[in-house]
Every structure is written in structure tokens, then in C-alpha cells.
Amino acid sequence: MSVLKPFRGRRPFSMATACEKTGKSSRQIRRLAAEPREEYEARGVSRNEPWEKQGISRATWYRRRKDGVA
């Protein structure tokens, strides 16, 4: 069986369908389809800390981002 690729958003199939096709339990399917933590954290905004590059606080950066300024 090939390892399921991680996906973001809605699954392209139901959990029951994945279980039937692979012969694995739902817990095993979730584990196989999970994105590794390192990859998840690598694409996070907080990891880059863009507010420090701009010389402003984190709260101010998020507030400006919400308002569409940053």
C-alpha cells in the first residue's frame, strides 16, 4: 500500500471509502495522511517572525494584517 499524501482542507474521499480501499482502520488512515509536524510548522507565519523584520510587536503585526495594512 502506498502512503496517502497529506491534504489541506476537505478530504477528496470519505473515511469509510479510504478504509475500504486500503483495508486499514480510520486511525491508521489518519496517521498515514497526516502532515509531518516539521512541514506544518515550516510554513507557519510565526516561524518567520515578520514583525521583527518590520520592527513592530507581534500584536501590531497581526492587527495590521487583519486590517489589510501589513
C-alpha atoms as a PDB file:
ATOM      1  CA  MET A   1       0.000   0.000   0.000  1.00  0.00           C
ATOM      2  CA  SER A   2       1.280   3.448  -0.819  1.00  0.00           C
ATOM      3  CA  VAL A   3       1.302   6.107   1.848  1.00  0.00           C
ATOM      4  CA  LEU A   4      -1.531   8.599   1.478  1.00  0.00           C
ATOM      5  CA  LYS A   5      -0.415  12.131   0.703  1.00  0.00           C
ATOM      6  CA  PRO A   6      -1.220  14.879   3.216  1.00  0.00           C
ATOM      7  CA  PHE A   7      -4.013  17.189   2.169  1.00  0.00           C
ATOM      8  CA  ARG A   8      -5.264  20.529   3.337  1.00  0.00           C
ATOM      9  CA  GLY A   9      -8.933  21.321   3.550  1.00  0.00           C
ATOM     10  CA  ARG A  10     -11.648  18.872   2.679  1.00  0.00           C
ATOM     11  CA  ARG A  11     -10.770  15.242   2.005  1.00  0.00           C
ATOM     12  CA  PRO A  12     -11.388  14.117  -1.587  1.00  0.00           C
ATOM     13  CA  PHE A  13     -12.997  10.930  -0.233  1.00  0.00           C
ATOM     14  CA  SER A  14     -14.791   9.718   2.863  1.00  0.00           C
ATOM     15  CA  MET A  15     -13.003   7.981   5.701  1.00  0.00           C
ATOM     16  CA  ALA A  16     -15.159   4.896   5.140  1.00  0.00           C
ATOM     17  CA  THR A  17     -14.107   4.759   1.485  1.00  0.00           C
ATOM     18  CA  ALA A  18     -10.430   5.076   2.405  1.00  0.00           C
ATOM     19  CA  CYS A  19     -10.790   2.284   4.959  1.00  0.00           C
ATOM     20  CA  GLU A  20     -12.482   0.003   2.451  1.00  0.00           C
ATOM     21  CA  LYS A  21      -9.928   0.653  -0.302  1.00  0.00           C
ATOM     22  CA  THR A  22      -6.870   0.202   1.897  1.00  0.00           C
ATOM     23  CA  GLY A  23      -8.102  -2.339   4.414  1.00  0.00           C
ATOM     24  CA  LYS A  24      -6.847  -0.133   7.252  1.00  0.00           C
ATOM     25  CA  SER A  25      -8.631   1.327  10.258  1.00  0.00           C
ATOM     26  CA  SER A  26      -9.610   5.003  10.407  1.00  0.00           C
ATOM     27  CA  ARG A  27      -6.868   5.618  12.963  1.00  0.00           C
ATOM     28  CA  GLN A  28      -4.266   4.167  10.604  1.00  0.00           C
ATOM     29  CA  ILE A  29      -5.617   6.225   7.704  1.00  0.00           C
ATOM     30  CA  ARG A  30      -5.395   9.450   9.724  1.00  0.00           C
ATOM     31  CA  ARG A  31      -1.841   8.601  10.753  1.00  0.00           C
ATOM     32  CA  LEU A  32      -0.800   7.867   7.154  1.00  0.00           C
ATOM     33  CA  ALA A  33      -2.415  11.024   5.756  1.00  0.00           C
ATOM     34  CA  ALA A  34      -1.086  13.338   8.477  1.00  0.00           C
ATOM     35  CA  GLU A  35       1.354  16.081   7.541  1.00  0.00           C
ATOM     36  CA  PRO A  36       4.632  15.818   9.468  1.00  0.00           C
ATOM     37  CA  ARG A  37       4.943  18.419  12.225  1.00  0.00           C
ATOM     38  CA  GLU A  38       8.180  19.849  10.792  1.00  0.00           C
ATOM     39  CA  GLU A  39       6.490  20.580   7.457  1.00  0.00           C
ATOM     40  CA  TYR A  40       3.418  22.056   9.156  1.00  0.00           C
ATOM     41  CA  GLU A  41       5.493  24.392  11.313  1.00  0.00           C
ATOM     42  CA  ALA A  42       7.835  25.319   8.447  1.00  0.00           C
ATOM     43  CA  ARG A  43       5.056  27.045   6.512  1.00  0.00           C
ATOM     44  CA  GLY A  44       3.701  28.891   9.527  1.00  0.00           C
ATOM     45  CA  VAL A  45       3.842  32.686   9.650  1.00  0.00           C
ATOM     46  CA  SER A  46       5.063  32.762  13.242  1.00  0.00           C
ATOM     47  CA  ARG A  47       8.125  30.738  12.304  1.00  0.00           C
ATOM     48  CA  ASN A  48       9.479  33.577  10.149  1.00  0.00           C
ATOM     49  CA  GLU A  49       8.618  36.295  12.684  1.00  0.00           C
ATOM     50  CA  PRO A  50       7.993  39.032  10.074  1.00  0.00           C
ATOM     51  CA  TRP A  51       7.062  41.535  12.794  1.00  0.00           C
ATOM     52  CA  GLU A  52      10.685  41.624  13.993  1.00  0.00           C
ATOM     53  CA  LYS A  53      11.871  42.469  10.475  1.00  0.00           C
ATOM     54  CA  GLN A  54       9.437  45.397  10.457  1.00  0.00           C
ATOM     55  CA  GLY A  55      10.387  46.484  13.962  1.00  0.00           C
ATOM     56  CA  ILE A  56       6.870  46.198  15.391  1.00  0.00           C
ATOM     57  CA  SER A  57       5.218  43.997  18.010  1.00  0.00           C
ATOM     58  CA  ARG A  58       3.567  40.731  17.106  1.00  0.00           C
ATOM     59  CA  ALA A  59       0.148  42.009  18.161  1.00  0.00           C
ATOM     60  CA  THR A  60       0.529  45.107  15.986  1.00  0.00           C
ATOM     61  CA  TRP A  61       1.631  42.993  13.013  1.00  0.00           C
ATOM     62  CA  TYR A  62      -1.419  40.726  13.290  1.00  0.00           C
ATOM     63  CA  ARG A  63      -3.740  43.692  13.785  1.00  0.00           C
ATOM     64  CA  ARG A  64      -2.370  45.430  10.669  1.00  0.00           C
ATOM     65  CA  ARG A  65      -2.572  42.192   8.736  1.00  0.00           C
ATOM     66  CA  LYS A  66      -6.233  41.823   9.718  1.00  0.00           C
ATOM     67  CA  ASP A  67      -6.892  45.388   8.569  1.00  0.00           C
ATOM     68  CA  GLY A  68      -5.019  44.772   5.296  1.00  0.00           C
ATOM     69  CA  VAL A  69      -2.175  47.195   6.013  1.00  0.00           C
ATOM     70  CA  ALA A  70       0.754  44.796   6.524  1.00  0.00           C
END
